[in-house]
PDB file of N, CA and C in Angstrom:
ATOM      1  N   MET A   1       9.402 -32.083  98.112  1.00  0.00           N
ATOM      2  CA  MET A   1       9.927 -30.796  97.686  1.00  0.00           C
ATOM      3  C   MET A   1       9.069 -30.325  96.511  1.00  0.00           C
ATOM      4  N   PRO A   2       8.514 -29.128  96.590  1.00  0.00           N
ATOM      5  CA  PRO A   2       7.664 -28.626  95.510  1.00  0.00           C
ATOM      6  C   PRO A   2       8.432 -28.431  94.200  1.00  0.00           C
ATOM      7  N   GLU A   3       7.785 -28.822  93.126  1.00  0.00           N
ATOM      8  CA  GLU A   3       8.351 -28.664  91.786  1.00  0.00           C
ATOM      9  C   GLU A   3       7.932 -27.305  91.236  1.00  0.00           C
ATOM     10  N   LEU A   4       8.924 -26.508  90.835  1.00  0.00           N
ATOM     11  CA  LEU A   4       8.654 -25.183  90.283  1.00  0.00           C
ATOM     12  C   LEU A   4       8.499 -25.208  88.776  1.00  0.00           C
ATOM     13  N   SER A   5       9.267 -26.066  88.118  1.00  0.00           N
ATOM     14  CA  SER A   5       9.251 -26.091  86.655  1.00  0.00           C
ATOM     15  C   SER A   5       9.828 -27.409  86.162  1.00  0.00           C
ATOM     16  N   ARG A   6       9.520 -27.716  84.905  1.00  0.00           N
ATOM     17  CA  ARG A   6      10.037 -28.933  84.270  1.00  0.00           C
ATOM     18  C   ARG A   6      10.189 -28.649  82.779  1.00  0.00           C
ATOM     19  N   PHE A   7      11.353 -28.939  82.235  1.00  0.00           N
ATOM     20  CA  PHE A   7      11.603 -28.745  80.804  1.00  0.00           C
ATOM     21  C   PHE A   7      12.767 -29.621  80.378  1.00  0.00           C
ATOM     22  N   TYR A   8      12.664 -30.193  79.198  1.00  0.00           N
ATOM     23  CA  TYR A   8      13.725 -31.028  78.612  1.00  0.00           C
ATOM     24  C   TYR A   8      14.217 -32.124  79.557  1.00  0.00           C
ATOM     25  N   GLY A   9      13.332 -32.660  80.373  1.00  0.00           N
ATOM     26  CA  GLY A   9      13.731 -33.694  81.316  1.00  0.00           C
ATOM     27  C   GLY A   9      14.403 -33.165  82.562  1.00  0.00           C
ATOM     28  N   ILE A  10      14.508 -31.854  82.687  1.00  0.00           N
ATOM     29  CA  ILE A  10      15.112 -31.202  83.856  1.00  0.00           C
ATOM     30  C   ILE A  10      13.981 -30.801  84.796  1.00  0.00           C
ATOM     31  N   VAL A  11      14.145 -31.089  86.081  1.00  0.00           N
ATOM     32  CA  VAL A  11      13.139 -30.732  87.083  1.00  0.00           C
ATOM     33  C   VAL A  11      13.755 -29.720  88.040  1.00  0.00           C
ATOM     34  N   ILE A  12      13.038 -28.615  88.253  1.00  0.00           N
ATOM     35  CA  ILE A  12      13.484 -27.552  89.155  1.00  0.00           C
ATOM     36  C   ILE A  12      12.605 -27.608  90.398  1.00  0.00           C
ATOM     37  N   LYS A  13      13.242 -27.671  91.582  1.00  0.00           N
ATOM     38  CA  LYS A  13      12.518 -27.783  92.851  1.00  0.00           C
ATOM     39  C   LYS A  13      13.067 -26.799  93.877  1.00  0.00           C
ATOM     40  N   MET A  14      12.246 -26.568  94.907  1.00  0.00           N
ATOM     41  CA  MET A  14      12.668 -25.713  96.013  1.00  0.00           C
ATOM     42  C   MET A  14      12.008 -26.240  97.293  1.00  0.00           C
ATOM     43  N   TYR A  15      12.789 -26.399  98.352  1.00  0.00           N
ATOM     44  CA  TYR A  15      12.259 -26.836  99.641  1.00  0.00           C
ATOM     45  C   TYR A  15      11.585 -25.678 100.362  1.00  0.00           C
ATOM     46  N   TYR A  16      10.584 -26.003 101.162  1.00  0.00           N
ATOM     47  CA  TYR A  16      10.003 -25.006 102.061  1.00  0.00           C
ATOM     48  C   TYR A  16      10.948 -24.756 103.217  1.00  0.00           C
ATOM     49  N   ASN A  17      11.082 -23.483 103.602  1.00  0.00           N
ATOM     50  CA  ASN A  17      11.853 -23.060 104.776  1.00  0.00           C
ATOM     51  C   ASN A  17      13.255 -23.675 104.793  1.00  0.00           C
ATOM     52  N   ASP A  18      13.919 -23.685 103.637  1.00  0.00           N
ATOM     53  CA  ASP A  18      15.255 -24.262 103.498  1.00  0.00           C
ATOM     54  C   ASP A  18      16.317 -23.294 104.031  1.00  0.00           C
ATOM     55  N   HIS A  19      17.525 -23.782 104.196  1.00  0.00           N
ATOM     56  CA  HIS A  19      18.648 -22.991 104.705  1.00  0.00           C
ATOM     57  C   HIS A  19      19.107 -21.953 103.681  1.00  0.00           C
ATOM     58  N   ASN A  20      19.777 -20.909 104.161  1.00  0.00           N
ATOM     59  CA  ASN A  20      20.393 -19.909 103.281  1.00  0.00           C
ATOM     60  C   ASN A  20      21.683 -20.471 102.714  1.00  0.00           C
ATOM     61  N   PRO A  21      22.183 -19.954 101.624  1.00  0.00           N
ATOM     62  CA  PRO A  21      21.663 -18.857 100.817  1.00  0.00           C
ATOM     63  C   PRO A  21      20.444 -19.310 100.012  1.00  0.00           C
ATOM     64  N   PRO A  22      19.651 -18.344  99.538  1.00  0.00           N
ATOM     65  CA  PRO A  22      18.502 -18.692  98.701  1.00  0.00           C
ATOM     66  C   PRO A  22      18.972 -19.523  97.496  1.00  0.00           C
ATOM     67  N   HIS A  23      18.300 -20.653  97.249  1.00  0.00           N
ATOM     68  CA  HIS A  23      18.753 -21.543  96.181  1.00  0.00           C
ATOM     69  C   HIS A  23      17.611 -22.407  95.673  1.00  0.00           C
ATOM     70  N   PHE A  24      17.860 -23.038  94.530  1.00  0.00           N
ATOM     71  CA  PHE A  24      16.934 -24.037  93.995  1.00  0.00           C
ATOM     72  C   PHE A  24      17.737 -25.273  93.613  1.00  0.00           C
ATOM     73  N   HIS A  25      17.011 -26.374  93.461  1.00  0.00           N
ATOM     74  CA  HIS A  25      17.610 -27.648  93.101  1.00  0.00           C
ATOM     75  C   HIS A  25      17.210 -27.985  91.674  1.00  0.00           C
ATOM     76  N   ALA A  26      18.153 -28.424  90.873  1.00  0.00           N
ATOM     77  CA  ALA A  26      17.890 -28.865  89.502  1.00  0.00           C
ATOM     78  C   ALA A  26      18.285 -30.337  89.406  1.00  0.00           C
ATOM     79  N   GLU A  27      17.401 -31.139  88.825  1.00  0.00           N
ATOM     80  CA  GLU A  27      17.662 -32.566  88.657  1.00  0.00           C
ATOM     81  C   GLU A  27      17.528 -32.938  87.191  1.00  0.00           C
ATOM     82  N   TYR A  28      18.446 -33.770  86.737  1.00  0.00           N
ATOM     83  CA  TYR A  28      18.387 -34.291  85.376  1.00  0.00           C
ATOM     84  C   TYR A  28      18.875 -35.729  85.437  1.00  0.00           C
ATOM     85  N   GLY A  29      17.983 -36.692  85.214  1.00  0.00           N
ATOM     86  CA  GLY A  29      18.358 -38.094  85.375  1.00  0.00           C
ATOM     87  C   GLY A  29      18.817 -38.324  86.803  1.00  0.00           C
ATOM     88  N   SER A  30      19.988 -38.902  86.978  1.00  0.00           N
ATOM     89  CA  SER A  30      20.512 -39.150  88.316  1.00  0.00           C
ATOM     90  C   SER A  30      21.425 -38.026  88.803  1.00  0.00           C
ATOM     91  N   SER A  31      21.568 -36.965  88.005  1.00  0.00           N
ATOM     92  CA  SER A  31      22.431 -35.836  88.370  1.00  0.00           C
ATOM     93  C   SER A  31      21.614 -34.730  89.029  1.00  0.00           C
ATOM     94  N   GLN A  32      22.246 -34.040  89.968  1.00  0.00           N
ATOM     95  CA  GLN A  32      21.596 -32.938  90.669  1.00  0.00           C
ATOM     96  C   GLN A  32      22.590 -31.803  90.868  1.00  0.00           C
ATOM     97  N   MET A  33      22.058 -30.573  90.913  1.00  0.00           N
ATOM     98  CA  MET A  33      22.896 -29.442  91.303  1.00  0.00           C
ATOM     99  C   MET A  33      22.029 -28.440  92.054  1.00  0.00           C
ATOM    100  N   VAL A  34      22.687 -27.598  92.826  1.00  0.00           N
ATOM    101  CA  VAL A  34      22.031 -26.559  93.611  1.00  0.00           C
ATOM    102  C   VAL A  34      22.582 -25.223  93.125  1.00  0.00           C
ATOM    103  N   VAL A  35      21.672 -24.255  92.873  1.00  0.00           N
ATOM    104  CA  VAL A  35      22.056 -22.968  92.299  1.00  0.00           C
ATOM    105  C   VAL A  35      21.572 -21.837  93.199  1.00  0.00           C
ATOM    106  N   ASP A  36      22.459 -20.903  93.515  1.00  0.00           N
ATOM    107  CA  ASP A  36      22.126 -19.718  94.289  1.00  0.00           C
ATOM    108  C   ASP A  36      21.179 -18.842  93.473  1.00  0.00           C
ATOM    109  N   VAL A  37      20.058 -18.458  94.059  1.00  0.00           N
ATOM    110  CA  VAL A  37      19.041 -17.675  93.365  1.00  0.00           C
ATOM    111  C   VAL A  37      19.531 -16.260  93.044  1.00  0.00           C
ATOM    112  N   ASN A  38      20.336 -15.675  93.908  1.00  0.00           N
ATOM    113  CA  ASN A  38      20.769 -14.282  93.716  1.00  0.00           C
ATOM    114  C   ASN A  38      21.952 -14.134  92.774  1.00  0.00           C
ATOM    115  N   THR A  39      22.898 -15.047  92.853  1.00  0.00           N
ATOM    116  CA  THR A  39      24.106 -14.921  92.034  1.00  0.00           C
ATOM    117  C   THR A  39      24.113 -15.870  90.835  1.00  0.00           C
ATOM    118  N   LEU A  40      23.234 -16.864  90.864  1.00  0.00           N
ATOM    119  CA  LEU A  40      23.175 -17.934  89.862  1.00  0.00           C
ATOM    120  C   LEU A  40      24.467 -18.752  89.812  1.00  0.00           C
ATOM    121  N   ALA A  41      25.188 -18.757  90.923  1.00  0.00           N
ATOM    122  CA  ALA A  41      26.381 -19.592  91.043  1.00  0.00           C
ATOM    123  C   ALA A  41      25.960 -21.003  91.456  1.00  0.00           C
ATOM    124  N   VAL A  42      26.639 -21.999  90.919  1.00  0.00           N
ATOM    125  CA  VAL A  42      26.403 -23.379  91.335  1.00  0.00           C
ATOM    126  C   VAL A  42      27.059 -23.558  92.698  1.00  0.00           C
ATOM    127  N   ILE A  43      26.262 -23.960  93.686  1.00  0.00           N
ATOM    128  CA  ILE A  43      26.800 -24.105  95.046  1.00  0.00           C
ATOM    129  C   ILE A  43      26.867 -25.561  95.490  1.00  0.00           C
ATOM    130  N   GLY A  44      26.469 -26.464  94.610  1.00  0.00           N
ATOM    131  CA  GLY A  44      26.572 -27.881  94.933  1.00  0.00           C
ATOM    132  C   GLY A  44      26.194 -28.747  93.755  1.00  0.00           C
ATOM    133  N   GLY A  45      26.829 -29.896  93.646  1.00  0.00           N
ATOM    134  CA  GLY A  45      26.504 -30.865  92.612  1.00  0.00           C
ATOM    135  C   GLY A  45      26.879 -30.402  91.216  1.00  0.00           C
ATOM    136  N   ARG A  46      26.404 -31.171  90.245  1.00  0.00           N
ATOM    137  CA  ARG A  46      26.639 -30.810  88.843  1.00  0.00           C
ATOM    138  C   ARG A  46      25.697 -31.587  87.944  1.00  0.00           C
ATOM    139  N   LEU A  47      25.422 -30.998  86.802  1.00  0.00           N
ATOM    140  CA  LEU A  47      24.637 -31.628  85.747  1.00  0.00           C
ATOM    141  C   LEU A  47      25.539 -31.777  84.533  1.00  0.00           C
ATOM    142  N   PRO A  48      25.144 -32.625  83.573  1.00  0.00           N
ATOM    143  CA  PRO A  48      25.896 -32.651  82.323  1.00  0.00           C
ATOM    144  C   PRO A  48      25.946 -31.231  81.748  1.00  0.00           C
ATOM    145  N   PRO A  49      27.026 -30.869  81.076  1.00  0.00           N
ATOM    146  CA  PRO A  49      27.224 -29.479  80.632  1.00  0.00           C
ATOM    147  C   PRO A  49      26.051 -28.863  79.875  1.00  0.00           C
ATOM    148  N   ARG A  50      25.457 -29.591  78.975  1.00  0.00           N
ATOM    149  CA  ARG A  50      24.369 -28.982  78.190  1.00  0.00           C
ATOM    150  C   ARG A  50      23.113 -28.800  79.027  1.00  0.00           C
ATOM    151  N   ALA A  51      22.810 -29.743  79.903  1.00  0.00           N
ATOM    152  CA  ALA A  51      21.664 -29.588  80.803  1.00  0.00           C
ATOM    153  C   ALA A  51      21.915 -28.407  81.742  1.00  0.00           C
ATOM    154  N   MET A  52      23.150 -28.284  82.214  1.00  0.00           N
ATOM    155  CA  MET A  52      23.503 -27.160  83.080  1.00  0.00           C
ATOM    156  C   MET A  52      23.303 -25.834  82.342  1.00  0.00           C
ATOM    157  N   GLY A  53      23.705 -25.777  81.085  1.00  0.00           N
ATOM    158  CA  GLY A  53      23.522 -24.556  80.298  1.00  0.00           C
ATOM    159  C   GLY A  53      22.059 -24.176  80.163  1.00  0.00           C
ATOM    160  N   LEU A  54      21.192 -25.170  79.965  1.00  0.00           N
ATOM    161  CA  LEU A  54      19.761 -24.888  79.866  1.00  0.00           C
ATOM    162  C   LEU A  54      19.205 -24.387  81.198  1.00  0.00           C
ATOM    163  N   VAL A  55      19.644 -24.984  82.299  1.00  0.00           N
ATOM    164  CA  VAL A  55      19.194 -24.528  83.621  1.00  0.00           C
ATOM    165  C   VAL A  55      19.629 -23.087  83.852  1.00  0.00           C
ATOM    166  N   MET A  56      20.864 -22.773  83.520  1.00  0.00           N
ATOM    167  CA  MET A  56      21.364 -21.420  83.766  1.00  0.00           C
ATOM    168  C   MET A  56      20.651 -20.401  82.871  1.00  0.00           C
ATOM    169  N   GLU A  57      20.362 -20.773  81.633  1.00  0.00           N
ATOM    170  CA  GLU A  57      19.610 -19.893  80.743  1.00  0.00           C
ATOM    171  C   GLU A  57      18.218 -19.644  81.313  1.00  0.00           C
ATOM    172  N   TRP A  58      17.558 -20.711  81.760  1.00  0.00           N
ATOM    173  CA  TRP A  58      16.219 -20.615  82.351  1.00  0.00           C
ATOM    174  C   TRP A  58      16.250 -19.716  83.588  1.00  0.00           C
ATOM    175  N   ALA A  59      17.215 -19.957  84.473  1.00  0.00           N
ATOM    176  CA  ALA A  59      17.284 -19.205  85.729  1.00  0.00           C
ATOM    177  C   ALA A  59      17.561 -17.718  85.490  1.00  0.00           C
ATOM    178  N   ALA A  60      18.422 -17.413  84.538  1.00  0.00           N
ATOM    179  CA  ALA A  60      18.732 -16.007  84.243  1.00  0.00           C
ATOM    180  C   ALA A  60      17.489 -15.273  83.751  1.00  0.00           C
ATOM    181  N   GLN A  61      16.647 -15.961  83.004  1.00  0.00           N
ATOM    182  CA  GLN A  61      15.434 -15.340  82.470  1.00  0.00           C
ATOM    183  C   GLN A  61      14.329 -15.239  83.517  1.00  0.00           C
ATOM    184  N   ARG A  62      14.444 -15.992  84.602  1.00  0.00           N
ATOM    185  CA  ARG A  62      13.374 -16.071  85.596  1.00  0.00           C
ATOM    186  C   ARG A  62      13.866 -15.800  87.014  1.00  0.00           C
ATOM    187  N   GLN A  63      14.928 -15.044  87.122  1.00  0.00           N
ATOM    188  CA  GLN A  63      15.548 -14.817  88.430  1.00  0.00           C
ATOM    189  C   GLN A  63      14.598 -14.139  89.417  1.00  0.00           C
ATOM    190  N   GLU A  64      13.835 -13.171  88.955  1.00  0.00           N
ATOM    191  CA  GLU A  64      12.900 -12.487  89.855  1.00  0.00           C
ATOM    192  C   GLU A  64      11.834 -13.459  90.373  1.00  0.00           C
ATOM    193  N   ALA A  65      11.319 -14.308  89.512  1.00  0.00           N
ATOM    194  CA  ALA A  65      10.329 -15.309  89.936  1.00  0.00           C
ATOM    195  C   ALA A  65      10.941 -16.288  90.933  1.00  0.00           C
ATOM    196  N   LEU A  66      12.207 -16.640  90.745  1.00  0.00           N
ATOM    197  CA  LEU A  66      12.892 -17.519  91.688  1.00  0.00           C
ATOM    198  C   LEU A  66      13.070 -16.838  93.043  1.00  0.00           C
ATOM    199  N   GLN A  67      13.394 -15.559  93.045  1.00  0.00           N
ATOM    200  CA  GLN A  67      13.526 -14.820  94.295  1.00  0.00           C
ATOM    201  C   GLN A  67      12.185 -14.747  95.023  1.00  0.00           C
ATOM    202  N   ASP A  68      11.106 -14.526  94.279  1.00  0.00           N
ATOM    203  CA  ASP A  68       9.773 -14.517  94.878  1.00  0.00           C
ATOM    204  C   ASP A  68       9.429 -15.888  95.459  1.00  0.00           C
ATOM    205  N   ALA A  69       9.754 -16.943  94.723  1.00  0.00           N
ATOM    206  CA  ALA A  69       9.487 -18.300  95.203  1.00  0.00           C
ATOM    207  C   ALA A  69      10.244 -18.575  96.500  1.00  0.00           C
ATOM    208  N   TRP A  70      11.495 -18.104  96.571  1.00  0.00           N
ATOM    209  CA  TRP A  70      12.284 -18.306  97.794  1.00  0.00           C
ATOM    210  C   TRP A  70      11.609 -17.626  98.981  1.00  0.00           C
ATOM    211  N   LEU A  71      11.164 -16.396  98.795  1.00  0.00           N
ATOM    212  CA  LEU A  71      10.483 -15.684  99.887  1.00  0.00           C
ATOM    213  C   LEU A  71       9.218 -16.428 100.307  1.00  0.00           C
ATOM    214  N   ASN A  72       8.460 -16.901  99.339  1.00  0.00           N
ATOM    215  CA  ASN A  72       7.252 -17.669  99.666  1.00  0.00           C
ATOM    216  C   ASN A  72       7.594 -18.952 100.418  1.00  0.00           C
ATOM    217  N   SER A  73       8.668 -19.630  99.995  1.00  0.00           N
ATOM    218  CA  SER A  73       9.046 -20.884 100.655  1.00  0.00           C
ATOM    219  C   SER A  73       9.480 -20.628 102.100  1.00  0.00           C
ATOM    220  N   ARG A  74      10.170 -19.541 102.327  1.00  0.00           N
ATOM    221  CA  ARG A  74      10.613 -19.200 103.692  1.00  0.00           C
ATOM    222  C   ARG A  74       9.425 -18.873 104.592  1.00  0.00           C
ATOM    223  N   ASN A  75       8.356 -18.337 103.996  1.00  0.00           N
ATOM    224  CA  ASN A  75       7.157 -17.984 104.754  1.00  0.00           C
ATOM    225  C   ASN A  75       6.121 -19.114 104.738  1.00  0.00           C
ATOM    226  N   MET A  76       6.507 -20.271 104.199  1.00  0.00           N
ATOM    227  CA  MET A  76       5.617 -21.435 104.127  1.00  0.00           C
ATOM    228  C   MET A  76       4.340 -21.126 103.343  1.00  0.00           C
ATOM    229  N   GLU A  77       4.466 -20.298 102.316  1.00  0.00           N
ATOM    230  CA  GLU A  77       3.350 -19.957 101.445  1.00  0.00           C
ATOM    231  C   GLU A  77       3.417 -20.817 100.181  1.00  0.00           C
ATOM    232  N   PRO A  78       2.292 -20.971  99.482  1.00  0.00           N
ATOM    233  CA  PRO A  78       2.296 -21.774  98.251  1.00  0.00           C
ATOM    234  C   PRO A  78       3.295 -21.238  97.219  1.00  0.00           C
ATOM    235  N   LEU A  79       3.918 -22.154  96.504  1.00  0.00           N
ATOM    236  CA  LEU A  79       4.872 -21.778  95.464  1.00  0.00           C
ATOM    237  C   LEU A  79       4.197 -21.902  94.104  1.00  0.00           C
ATOM    238  N   ASP A  80       4.265 -20.837  93.329  1.00  0.00           N
ATOM    239  CA  ASP A  80       3.698 -20.842  91.993  1.00  0.00           C
ATOM    240  C   ASP A  80       4.634 -21.558  91.029  1.00  0.00           C
ATOM    241  N   GLN A  81       4.046 -22.173  90.015  1.00  0.00           N
ATOM    242  CA  GLN A  81       4.839 -22.750  88.938  1.00  0.00           C
ATOM    243  C   GLN A  81       5.533 -21.618  88.178  1.00  0.00           C
ATOM    244  N   ILE A  82       6.733 -21.875  87.710  1.00  0.00           N
ATOM    245  CA  ILE A  82       7.490 -20.915  86.907  1.00  0.00           C
ATOM    246  C   ILE A  82       7.561 -21.470  85.494  1.00  0.00           C
ATOM    247  N   ASP A  83       7.311 -20.615  84.512  1.00  0.00           N
ATOM    248  CA  ASP A  83       7.284 -21.060  83.123  1.00  0.00           C
ATOM    249  C   ASP A  83       8.561 -21.808  82.748  1.00  0.00           C
ATOM    250  N   PRO A  84       8.410 -22.901  82.004  1.00  0.00           N
ATOM    251  CA  PRO A  84       9.596 -23.639  81.551  1.00  0.00           C
ATOM    252  C   PRO A  84      10.309 -22.886  80.441  1.00  0.00           C
ATOM    253  N   LEU A  85      11.481 -23.368  80.130  1.00  0.00           N
ATOM    254  CA  LEU A  85      12.209 -22.856  78.984  1.00  0.00           C
ATOM    255  C   LEU A  85      11.451 -23.288  77.734  1.00  0.00           C
ATOM    256  N   PRO A  86      11.183 -22.368  76.814  1.00  0.00           N
ATOM    257  CA  PRO A  86      10.418 -22.751  75.616  1.00  0.00           C
ATOM    258  C   PRO A  86      11.150 -23.818  74.802  1.00  0.00           C
ATOM    259  N   TYR A  87      10.375 -24.690  74.197  1.00  0.00           N
ATOM    260  CA  TYR A  87      10.945 -25.711  73.325  1.00  0.00           C
ATOM    261  C   TYR A  87      11.224 -25.102  71.961  1.00  0.00           C
ATOM    262  N   THR A  88      12.438 -25.254  71.497  1.00  0.00           N
ATOM    263  CA  THR A  88      12.822 -24.800  70.170  1.00  0.00           C
ATOM    264  C   THR A  88      13.598 -25.937  69.503  1.00  0.00           C
ATOM    265  N   PRO A  89      13.620 -25.974  68.186  1.00  0.00           N
ATOM    266  CA  PRO A  89      14.391 -27.032  67.517  1.00  0.00           C
ATOM    267  C   PRO A  89      15.857 -27.047  67.959  1.00  0.00           C
ATOM    268  N   ASP A  90      16.451 -25.873  68.163  1.00  0.00           N
ATOM    269  CA  ASP A  90      17.843 -25.799  68.584  1.00  0.00           C
ATOM    270  C   ASP A  90      18.018 -26.381  69.984  1.00  0.00           C
ATOM    271  N   SER A  91      17.098 -26.070  70.890  1.00  0.00           N
ATOM    272  CA  SER A  91      17.192 -26.584  72.252  1.00  0.00           C
ATOM    273  C   SER A  91      17.003 -28.088  72.280  1.00  0.00           C
ATOM    274  N   GLN A  92      16.120 -28.619  71.433  1.00  0.00           N
ATOM    275  CA  GLN A  92      15.915 -30.063  71.396  1.00  0.00           C
ATOM    276  C   GLN A  92      17.188 -30.777  70.942  1.00  0.00           C
ATOM    277  N   ARG A  93      17.882 -30.221  69.947  1.00  0.00           N
ATOM    278  CA  ARG A  93      19.163 -30.805  69.521  1.00  0.00           C
ATOM    279  C   ARG A  93      20.172 -30.695  70.656  1.00  0.00           C
ATOM    280  N   HIS A  94      20.151 -29.562  71.343  1.00  0.00           N
ATOM    281  CA  HIS A  94      21.086 -29.286  72.429  1.00  0.00           C
ATOM    282  C   HIS A  94      20.983 -30.357  73.513  1.00  0.00           C
ATOM    283  N   ILE A  95      19.777 -30.604  73.989  1.00  0.00           N
ATOM    284  CA  ILE A  95      19.609 -31.567  75.076  1.00  0.00           C
ATOM    285  C   ILE A  95      19.738 -32.999  74.566  1.00  0.00           C
ATOM    286  N   ALA A  96      19.324 -33.279  73.345  1.00  0.00           N
ATOM    287  CA  ALA A  96      19.463 -34.629  72.804  1.00  0.00           C
ATOM    288  C   ALA A  96      20.934 -35.026  72.733  1.00  0.00           C
ATOM    289  N   MET A  97      21.794 -34.096  72.356  1.00  0.00           N
ATOM    290  CA  MET A  97      23.228 -34.374  72.314  1.00  0.00           C
ATOM    291  C   MET A  97      23.732 -34.633  73.723  1.00  0.00           C
ATOM    292  N   CYS A  98      23.218 -33.902  74.684  1.00  0.00           N
ATOM    293  CA  CYS A  98      23.608 -34.079  76.078  1.00  0.00           C
ATOM    294  C   CYS A  98      23.234 -35.486  76.546  1.00  0.00           C
ATOM    295  N   CYS A  99      22.015 -35.893  76.240  1.00  0.00           N
ATOM    296  CA  CYS A  99      21.532 -37.204  76.679  1.00  0.00           C
ATOM    297  C   CYS A  99      22.338 -38.319  76.045  1.00  0.00           C
ATOM    298  N   THR A 100      22.632 -38.178  74.776  1.00  0.00           N
ATOM    299  CA  THR A 100      23.363 -39.213  74.062  1.00  0.00           C
ATOM    300  C   THR A 100      24.757 -39.384  74.643  1.00  0.00           C
ATOM    301  N   ARG A 101      25.409 -38.292  74.944  1.00  0.00           N
ATOM    302  CA  ARG A 101      26.794 -38.367  75.452  1.00  0.00           C
ATOM    303  C   ARG A 101      26.858 -38.767  76.911  1.00  0.00           C
ATOM    304  N   SER A 102      25.871 -38.356  77.713  1.00  0.00           N
ATOM    305  CA  SER A 102      25.957 -38.599  79.136  1.00  0.00           C
ATOM    306  C   SER A 102      25.256 -39.891  79.558  1.00  0.00           C
ATOM    307  N   GLY A 103      24.526 -40.498  78.623  1.00  0.00           N
ATOM    308  CA  GLY A 103      23.788 -41.707  78.984  1.00  0.00           C
ATOM    309  C   GLY A 103      22.491 -41.411  79.689  1.00  0.00           C
ATOM    310  N   GLY A 104      22.097 -40.153  79.748  1.00  0.00           N
ATOM    311  CA  GLY A 104      20.856 -39.768  80.414  1.00  0.00           C
ATOM    312  C   GLY A 104      19.638 -40.209  79.626  1.00  0.00           C
ATOM    313  N   ARG A 105      18.486 -40.078  80.256  1.00  0.00           N
ATOM    314  CA  ARG A 105      17.248 -40.461  79.591  1.00  0.00           C
ATOM    315  C   ARG A 105      16.643 -39.262  78.893  1.00  0.00           C
ATOM    316  N   ARG A 106      16.080 -39.499  77.731  1.00  0.00           N
ATOM    317  CA  ARG A 106      15.390 -38.428  76.997  1.00  0.00           C
ATOM    318  C   ARG A 106      13.922 -38.468  77.396  1.00  0.00           C
ATOM    319  N   ARG A 107      13.428 -37.344  77.892  1.00  0.00           N
ATOM    320  CA  ARG A 107      12.018 -37.251  78.257  1.00  0.00           C
ATOM    321  C   ARG A 107      11.494 -35.946  77.692  1.00  0.00           C
ATOM    322  N   PHE A 108      10.724 -36.048  76.611  1.00  0.00           N
ATOM    323  CA  PHE A 108      10.142 -34.847  75.998  1.00  0.00           C
ATOM    324  C   PHE A 108       8.647 -34.891  76.146  1.00  0.00           C
TER     325      PHE A 108
END
């Protein structure tokens, strides 16, 4: 599955020619969730709350790029990388607290 982005230990992926609705997969440690590209609703799985918040923030800022990636994946065209969520001191504290509470691994 092609990797679209990676930030704070979160990996965003999308399958080629996958089933509808348009969606992407987010992985953090052993947790996974699937998010609808058009509505940004979680349609499967779950991540620790803070990791989920970072994914949703990232997706809201890059929704058009995600929609383009979905169209490319359906047409079996190359998928471009999508910019990660910028690293900020606040975000690092945010995810570090998530990792500490959930037992996840910290990968910066």
